C-alpha atoms as a PDB file:
ATOM      1  CA  MET A   1      27.460 -35.488 -77.162  1.00  0.00           C
ATOM      2  CA  ARG A   2      26.812 -34.419 -73.674  1.00  0.00           C
ATOM      3  CA  ALA A   3      28.762 -37.006 -71.439  1.00  0.00           C
ATOM      4  CA  ASN A   4      26.806 -39.299 -69.046  1.00  0.00           C
ATOM      5  CA  THR A   5      26.390 -38.413 -65.245  1.00  0.00           C
ATOM      6  CA  ALA A   6      27.012 -41.268 -63.024  1.00  0.00           C
ATOM      7  CA  PRO A   7      24.343 -41.577 -60.031  1.00  0.00           C
ATOM      8  CA  GLY A   8      26.408 -40.583 -57.291  1.00  0.00           C
ATOM      9  CA  ASP A   9      27.597 -37.753 -59.220  1.00  0.00           C
ATOM     10  CA  TYR A  10      26.257 -34.139 -58.385  1.00  0.00           C
ATOM     11  CA  PRO A  11      25.189 -31.446 -61.297  1.00  0.00           C
ATOM     12  CA  GLN A  12      28.056 -29.207 -61.844  1.00  0.00           C
ATOM     13  CA  GLY A  13      28.124 -26.209 -59.980  1.00  0.00           C
ATOM     14  CA  ILE A  14      26.512 -27.524 -57.089  1.00  0.00           C
ATOM     15  CA  ASN A  15      28.759 -27.980 -53.922  1.00  0.00           C
ATOM     16  CA  PRO A  16      27.841 -31.520 -51.731  1.00  0.00           C
ATOM     17  CA  ALA A  17      29.308 -29.695 -48.322  1.00  0.00           C
ATOM     18  CA  GLN A  18      27.128 -26.580 -49.018  1.00  0.00           C
ATOM     19  CA  GLU A  19      24.343 -28.787 -49.339  1.00  0.00           C
ATOM     20  CA  VAL A  20      24.444 -30.736 -45.842  1.00  0.00           C
ATOM     21  CA  SER A  21      25.326 -27.289 -44.219  1.00  0.00           C
ATOM     22  CA  GLU A  22      21.935 -25.507 -45.575  1.00  0.00           C
ATOM     23  CA  ILE A  23      20.378 -28.596 -44.352  1.00  0.00           C
ATOM     24  CA  SER A  24      22.054 -28.254 -40.872  1.00  0.00           C
ATOM     25  CA  GLU A  25      21.300 -24.819 -40.526  1.00  0.00           C
ATOM     26  CA  PHE A  26      17.350 -25.580 -41.507  1.00  0.00           C
ATOM     27  CA  LEU A  27      17.501 -28.412 -38.688  1.00  0.00           C
ATOM     28  CA  VAL A  28      19.404 -26.189 -35.899  1.00  0.00           C
ATOM     29  CA  ILE A  29      16.720 -23.158 -36.509  1.00  0.00           C
ATOM     30  CA  VAL A  30      13.391 -25.676 -36.387  1.00  0.00           C
ATOM     31  CA  LEU A  31      14.943 -27.205 -33.220  1.00  0.00           C
ATOM     32  CA  VAL A  32      15.337 -23.908 -31.940  1.00  0.00           C
ATOM     33  CA  ILE A  33      11.956 -22.310 -32.935  1.00  0.00           C
ATOM     34  CA  PHE A  34      10.939 -25.585 -31.366  1.00  0.00           C
ATOM     35  CA  ALA A  35      12.325 -25.458 -28.016  1.00  0.00           C
ATOM     36  CA  PHE A  36      11.623 -21.654 -27.797  1.00  0.00           C
ATOM     37  CA  LEU A  37       7.623 -22.608 -28.287  1.00  0.00           C
ATOM     38  CA  LEU A  38       8.331 -25.490 -25.435  1.00  0.00           C
ATOM     39  CA  LEU A  39       9.975 -22.679 -23.344  1.00  0.00           C
ATOM     40  CA  ALA A  40       7.087 -20.551 -24.002  1.00  0.00           C
ATOM     41  CA  GLY A  41       4.505 -23.323 -22.960  1.00  0.00           C
ATOM     42  CA  ALA A  42       6.272 -23.926 -19.938  1.00  0.00           C
ATOM     43  CA  VAL A  43       5.971 -20.677 -18.677  1.00  0.00           C
ATOM     44  CA  GLY A  44       2.420 -20.078 -19.627  1.00  0.00           C
ATOM     45  CA  ILE A  45       1.689 -23.102 -17.822  1.00  0.00           C
ATOM     46  CA  TRP A  46       3.288 -21.891 -14.633  1.00  0.00           C
ATOM     47  CA  LEU A  47       2.077 -18.371 -15.305  1.00  0.00           C
ATOM     48  CA  LEU A  48      -1.403 -19.943 -14.744  1.00  0.00           C
ATOM     49  CA  VAL A  49      -0.603 -22.111 -12.278  1.00  0.00           C
ATOM     50  CA  LYS A  50       0.393 -19.251 -10.491  1.00  0.00           C
ATOM     51  CA  LEU A  51      -2.804 -17.513 -11.077  1.00  0.00           C
ATOM     52  CA  GLY A  52      -4.459 -20.318  -9.728  1.00  0.00           C
ATOM     53  CA  LYS A  53      -3.261 -20.649  -7.047  1.00  0.00           C
ATOM     54  CA  LYS A  54      -3.697 -17.012  -6.045  1.00  0.00           C
ATOM     55  CA  ALA A  55      -7.182 -16.732  -7.506  1.00  0.00           C
ATOM     56  CA  ALA A  56      -7.889 -20.002  -4.839  1.00  0.00           C
ATOM     57  CA  VAL A  57      -6.446 -18.167  -2.023  1.00  0.00           C
ATOM     58  CA  LYS A  58      -8.340 -14.923  -2.866  1.00  0.00           C
ATOM     59  CA  ALA A  59     -11.508 -17.024  -2.879  1.00  0.00           C
ATOM     60  CA  LYS A  60     -11.395 -18.830   0.254  1.00  0.00           C
ATOM     61  CA  GLN A  61     -10.521 -15.111   1.821  1.00  0.00           C
ATOM     62  CA  ALA A  62     -13.133 -14.006   0.016  1.00  0.00           C
ATOM     63  CA  THR A  63     -15.996 -16.523   1.538  1.00  0.00           C
ATOM     64  CA  ALA A  64     -14.079 -16.782   5.026  1.00  0.00           C
ATOM     65  CA  ARG A  65     -15.620 -12.499   5.081  1.00  0.00           C
ATOM     66  CA  ILE A  66     -18.366 -13.315   3.653  1.00  0.00           C
ATOM     67  CA  THR A  67     -19.212 -16.004   6.305  1.00  0.00           C
ATOM     68  CA  THR A  68     -18.008 -14.070   9.367  1.00  0.00           C
ATOM     69  CA  HIS A  69     -20.152 -10.710   7.831  1.00  0.00           C
ATOM     70  CA  VAL A  70     -23.114 -13.680   7.730  1.00  0.00           C
ATOM     71  CA  ASN A  71     -22.715 -15.266  11.182  1.00  0.00           C
ATOM     72  CA  ALA A  72     -22.331 -11.615  12.975  1.00  0.00           C
ATOM     73  CA  MET A  73     -26.050 -11.096  11.524  1.00  0.00           C
ATOM     74  CA  GLY A  74     -27.479 -13.140  14.281  1.00  0.00           C
ATOM     75  CA  THR A  75     -27.827 -13.339  18.109  1.00  0.00           C
ATOM     76  CA  GLY A  76     -26.068 -14.717  20.850  1.00  0.00           C
ATOM     77  CA  ASP A  77     -22.512 -15.430  21.856  1.00  0.00           C
ATOM     78  CA  ALA A  78     -21.006 -16.926  18.461  1.00  0.00           C
ATOM     79  CA  ALA A  79     -22.436 -13.658  16.662  1.00  0.00           C
ATOM     80  CA  GLU A  80     -21.311 -11.424  19.186  1.00  0.00           C
ATOM     81  CA  VAL A  81     -17.539 -13.005  18.210  1.00  0.00           C
ATOM     82  CA  GLU A  82     -18.040 -12.812  14.561  1.00  0.00           C
ATOM     83  CA  ARG A  83     -18.636  -8.837  15.532  1.00  0.00           C
ATOM     84  CA  LEU A  84     -15.116  -8.769  17.482  1.00  0.00           C
ATOM     85  CA  ARG A  85     -13.533 -10.411  14.616  1.00  0.00           C
ATOM     86  CA  LEU A  86     -14.421  -7.802  12.288  1.00  0.00           C
ATOM     87  CA  GLU A  87     -14.505  -4.869  14.513  1.00  0.00           C
ATOM     88  CA  MET A  88     -10.488  -6.432  15.102  1.00  0.00           C
ATOM     89  CA  ARG A  89      -9.959  -6.432  11.307  1.00  0.00           C
ATOM     90  CA  ARG A  90     -11.110  -2.746  10.518  1.00  0.00           C
ATOM     91  CA  GLU A  91      -8.962  -1.822  13.892  1.00  0.00           C
ATOM     92  CA  LEU A  92      -5.723  -2.937  12.247  1.00  0.00           C
ATOM     93  CA  THR A  93      -6.643  -2.142   8.653  1.00  0.00           C
ATOM     94  CA  VAL A  94      -7.116   1.748   9.311  1.00  0.00           C
ATOM     95  CA  THR A  95      -3.875   1.477  11.772  1.00  0.00           C
ATOM     96  CA  ARG A  96      -1.603  -0.016   9.088  1.00  0.00           C
ATOM     97  CA  GLN A  97      -3.092   2.655   6.425  1.00  0.00           C
ATOM     98  CA  ALA A  98      -2.482   5.656   9.070  1.00  0.00           C
ATOM     99  CA  VAL A  99       1.208   3.587   9.296  1.00  0.00           C
ATOM    100  CA  ASP A 100       2.230   3.115   5.344  1.00  0.00           C
ATOM    101  CA  HIS A 101       0.730   6.504   4.844  1.00  0.00           C
ATOM    102  CA  ALA A 102       3.368   7.731   7.526  1.00  0.00           C
ATOM    103  CA  LEU A 103       6.115   5.641   6.075  1.00  0.00           C
ATOM    104  CA  ARG A 104       5.269   7.169   2.460  1.00  0.00           C
ATOM    105  CA  GLN A 105       5.592  10.466   3.719  1.00  0.00           C
ATOM    106  CA  GLY A 106       9.074   9.766   5.073  1.00  0.00           C
ATOM    107  CA  TRP A 107       8.487  10.491   8.714  1.00  0.00           C
ATOM    108  CA  GLY A 108      11.028   8.364  11.626  1.00  0.00           C
ATOM    109  CA  LEU A 109       8.730   5.910  12.802  1.00  0.00           C
ATOM    110  CA  GLY A 110      11.798   4.318  14.814  1.00  0.00           C
ATOM    111  CA  ASP A 111      10.928   0.660  15.792  1.00  0.00           C
ATOM    112  CA  LEU A 112       6.910   1.315  15.175  1.00  0.00           C
ATOM    113  CA  PRO A 113       6.755  -0.840  11.784  1.00  0.00           C
ATOM    114  CA  GLN A 114       8.029  -3.883  14.009  1.00  0.00           C
ATOM    115  CA  LEU A 115       5.791  -3.053  16.587  1.00  0.00           C
ATOM    116  CA  MET A 116       2.721  -3.052  14.189  1.00  0.00           C
ATOM    117  CA  ALA A 117       3.804  -6.152  12.526  1.00  0.00           C
ATOM    118  CA  ASP A 118       3.727  -7.584  16.178  1.00  0.00           C
ATOM    119  CA  LEU A 119       0.447  -6.348  16.718  1.00  0.00           C
ATOM    120  CA  SER A 120      -0.862  -7.730  12.940  1.00  0.00           C
ATOM    121  CA  ALA A 121       0.805 -11.138  14.253  1.00  0.00           C
ATOM    122  CA  GLN A 122      -0.728 -11.093  17.951  1.00  0.00           C
ATOM    123  CA  ALA A 123      -4.492 -10.126  15.972  1.00  0.00           C
ATOM    124  CA  ASP A 124      -4.108 -12.976  13.567  1.00  0.00           C
ATOM    125  CA  VAL A 125      -3.634 -15.187  16.666  1.00  0.00           C
ATOM    126  CA  HIS A 126      -6.898 -13.749  18.376  1.00  0.00           C
ATOM    127  CA  ASP A 127      -8.878 -13.998  15.687  1.00  0.00           C
ATOM    128  CA  GLY A 128      -7.959 -17.505  15.002  1.00  0.00           C
ATOM    129  CA  GLN A 129      -9.629 -17.799  18.639  1.00  0.00           C
ATOM    130  CA  LEU A 130     -12.319 -16.263  18.178  1.00  0.00           C
ATOM    131  CA  ALA A 131     -13.434 -17.854  15.253  1.00  0.00           C
ATOM    132  CA  MET A 132     -12.854 -21.479  17.694  1.00  0.00           C
ATOM    133  CA  TYR A 133     -14.738 -19.994  20.166  1.00  0.00           C
ATOM    134  CA  ALA A 134     -17.696 -18.857  17.765  1.00  0.00           C
ATOM    135  CA  GLN A 135     -17.709 -22.207  15.866  1.00  0.00           C
ATOM    136  CA  GLN A 136     -18.197 -24.591  19.032  1.00  0.00           C
ATOM    137  CA  ARG A 137     -20.493 -22.204  20.310  1.00  0.00           C
ATOM    138  CA  ARG A 138     -22.689 -22.818  17.635  1.00  0.00           C
ATOM    139  CA  MET A 139     -22.230 -26.179  17.603  1.00  0.00           C
ATOM    140  CA  SER A 140     -22.853 -26.307  21.733  1.00  0.00           C
ATOM    141  CA  SER A 141     -24.958 -25.359  23.489  1.00  0.00           C
ATOM    142  CA  PHE A 142     -22.478 -24.880  26.382  1.00  0.00           C
ATOM    143  CA  ALA A 143     -21.458 -21.231  27.033  1.00  0.00           C
ATOM    144  CA  ASP A 144     -18.081 -21.086  28.370  1.00  0.00           C
ATOM    145  CA  HIS A 145     -18.587 -17.069  29.637  1.00  0.00           C
ATOM    146  CA  ALA A 146     -15.050 -17.080  31.750  1.00  0.00           C
ATOM    147  CA  THR A 147     -12.589 -17.985  27.743  1.00  0.00           C
ATOM    148  CA  LEU A 148     -15.489 -15.361  26.135  1.00  0.00           C
ATOM    149  CA  ASP A 149     -14.811 -12.377  28.732  1.00  0.00           C
ATOM    150  CA  ARG A 150     -10.660 -13.347  28.404  1.00  0.00           C
ATOM    151  CA  LEU A 151     -11.492 -13.128  25.131  1.00  0.00           C
ATOM    152  CA  ARG A 152     -13.304  -9.599  25.420  1.00  0.00           C
ATOM    153  CA  GLN A 153     -10.325  -8.222  27.273  1.00  0.00           C
ATOM    154  CA  HIS A 154      -7.830  -9.193  25.023  1.00  0.00           C
ATOM    155  CA  GLN A 155      -9.886  -7.634  22.198  1.00  0.00           C
ATOM    156  CA  ALA A 156     -10.155  -4.339  24.104  1.00  0.00           C
ATOM    157  CA  LYS A 157      -6.408  -3.966  24.681  1.00  0.00           C
ATOM    158  CA  LEU A 158      -5.629  -4.934  21.206  1.00  0.00           C
ATOM    159  CA  THR A 159      -8.140  -2.196  19.661  1.00  0.00           C
ATOM    160  CA  ALA A 160      -7.270   0.205  22.227  1.00  0.00           C
ATOM    161  CA  MET A 161      -3.313  -0.078  20.899  1.00  0.00           C
ATOM    162  CA  CYS A 162      -4.208   0.541  18.017  1.00  0.00           C
ATOM    163  CA  ALA A 163      -5.964   3.495  18.603  1.00  0.00           C
ATOM    164  CA  ARG A 164      -3.080   4.706  20.603  1.00  0.00           C
ATOM    165  CA  ILE A 165      -1.383   4.242  17.163  1.00  0.00           C
ATOM    166  CA  ARG A 166      -3.477   6.028  15.304  1.00  0.00           C
ATOM    167  CA  ALA A 167      -3.831   8.953  17.768  1.00  0.00           C
ATOM    168  CA  ASP A 168       0.463   9.359  17.883  1.00  0.00           C
ATOM    169  CA  LEU A 169       0.535   9.456  14.636  1.00  0.00           C
ATOM    170  CA  MET A 170      -2.019  11.887  13.915  1.00  0.00           C
ATOM    171  CA  SER A 171      -0.385  14.338  16.601  1.00  0.00           C
ATOM    172  CA  ASP A 172       2.520  13.889  14.582  1.00  0.00           C
ATOM    173  CA  GLN A 173       1.015  15.249  11.428  1.00  0.00           C
ATOM    174  CA  VAL A 174      -0.605  18.133  12.876  1.00  0.00           C
ATOM    175  CA  ARG A 175       2.283  19.246  14.940  1.00  0.00           C
ATOM    176  CA  HIS A 176       4.316  18.932  11.494  1.00  0.00           C
ATOM    177  CA  THR A 177       1.153  20.738   9.654  1.00  0.00           C
ATOM    178  CA  ALA A 178       1.326  23.585  12.424  1.00  0.00           C
ATOM    179  CA  THR A 179       4.605  24.351  11.819  1.00  0.00           C
ATOM    180  CA  GLY A 180       4.377  24.164   7.925  1.00  0.00           C
ATOM    181  CA  ILE A 181       1.748  26.935   8.758  1.00  0.00           C
ATOM    182  CA  ASP A 182       3.790  29.000  11.029  1.00  0.00           C
ATOM    183  CA  ASP A 183       6.255  29.446   8.626  1.00  0.00           C
ATOM    184  CA  LEU A 184       4.170  30.033   5.483  1.00  0.00           C
ATOM    185  CA  ASN A 185       2.525  32.609   7.986  1.00  0.00           C
ATOM    186  CA  ALA A 186       5.834  34.291   8.554  1.00  0.00           C
ATOM    187  CA  ARG A 187       6.300  34.098   4.961  1.00  0.00           C
ATOM    188  CA  THR A 188       3.652  35.532   3.835  1.00  0.00           C
ATOM    189  CA  ASP A 189       3.868  38.481   6.045  1.00  0.00           C
ATOM    190  CA  LEU A 190       7.559  38.891   4.707  1.00  0.00           C
ATOM    191  CA  GLU A 191       6.382  39.189   1.275  1.00  0.00           C
ATOM    192  CA  ILE A 192       3.299  41.697   1.921  1.00  0.00           C
ATOM    193  CA  GLU A 193       6.062  44.014   4.033  1.00  0.00           C
ATOM    194  CA  ALA A 194       8.291  44.074   0.861  1.00  0.00           C
ATOM    195  CA  ARG A 195       5.696  44.660  -1.460  1.00  0.00           C
ATOM    196  CA  ARG A 196       4.697  48.241   0.318  1.00  0.00           C
ATOM    197  CA  HIS A 197       6.023  51.019  -1.282  1.00  0.00           C
ATOM    198  CA  ALA A 198       8.261  52.967   0.239  1.00  0.00           C
ATOM    199  CA  PRO A 199       7.211  56.674   1.666  1.00  0.00           C
ATOM    200  CA  ASP A 200       7.959  59.436  -0.527  1.00  0.00           C
ATOM    201  CA  PRO A 201      10.470  62.378   0.895  1.00  0.00           C
ATOM    202  CA  LEU A 202       8.187  64.838  -0.810  1.00  0.00           C
ATOM    203  CA  ASP A 203       5.090  63.436   0.921  1.00  0.00           C
ATOM    204  CA  GLN A 204       7.033  63.345   4.240  1.00  0.00           C
ATOM    205  CA  ILE A 205       7.941  66.918   3.730  1.00  0.00           C
ATOM    206  CA  ASP A 206       4.660  68.253   3.219  1.00  0.00           C
ATOM    207  CA  GLU A 207       3.662  66.170   5.989  1.00  0.00           C
ATOM    208  CA  LEU A 208       6.430  67.676   8.409  1.00  0.00           C
ATOM    209  CA  TYR A 209       5.057  71.325   6.809  1.00  0.00           C
ATOM    210  CA  ARG A 210       1.588  71.077   7.726  1.00  0.00           C
ATOM    211  CA  ARG A 211       2.632  69.676  11.296  1.00  0.00           C
ATOM    212  CA  THR A 212       4.479  72.510  11.952  1.00  0.00           C
ATOM    213  CA  MET A 213       1.932  75.533  10.589  1.00  0.00           C
ATOM    214  CA  GLU A 214      -0.667  73.528  13.058  1.00  0.00           C
ATOM    215  CA  GLU A 215       1.870  74.063  16.262  1.00  0.00           C
ATOM    216  CA  ARG A 216       2.271  77.335  15.141  1.00  0.00           C
ATOM    217  CA  LYS A 217      -1.834  78.343  15.122  1.00  0.00           C
ATOM    218  CA  ASP A 218      -1.645  76.786  18.048  1.00  0.00           C
ATOM    219  CA  LEU A 219       1.015  78.553  19.459  1.00  0.00           C
ATOM    220  CA  SER A 220      -0.521  81.674  18.213  1.00  0.00           C
END
């Protein structure tokens, strides 16, 4: 007959410690998966918030640009100031592109990148002053011509600096290109000269004989 098994006894062949270890491993796996899901969710939320902030900033900038373009289409001092803002932005963009191109080409620019950064910062201040003047001019019928003249002078100086930087970079580029063209032209001359066939000695002898006979005929 089979012996009775007590309520607290485990069937033969099952180790109680092994069963507890398996349960612990299962719980650890579940906790690890749960922690990973929490981490992934936190990273996802952080990315969404960051992208949302960037999108909001870009939308704000796009709205400001569109507003500036619309206001620049009007007439009066406010519209003129808005057109000055657009002109300044174009000059900065073109100049910054020229400097960035020179940096990618590995040119020695010295302190020009820092100068460009300072110029951009000063242009931002100027843009803020133009925006404030345009806003006040749209809200008030009073025209502050003295301030507008000073803003025009500042605009002329900033745009002239941008033009001078671009002209200097273009001059360096043209000078560098000319050096490369001269070097290529010299190499072309050398290559063409090297490919010419050396004169045949027999042809030289024939030419010398022909010239000798002609000289004898002339003497006779």
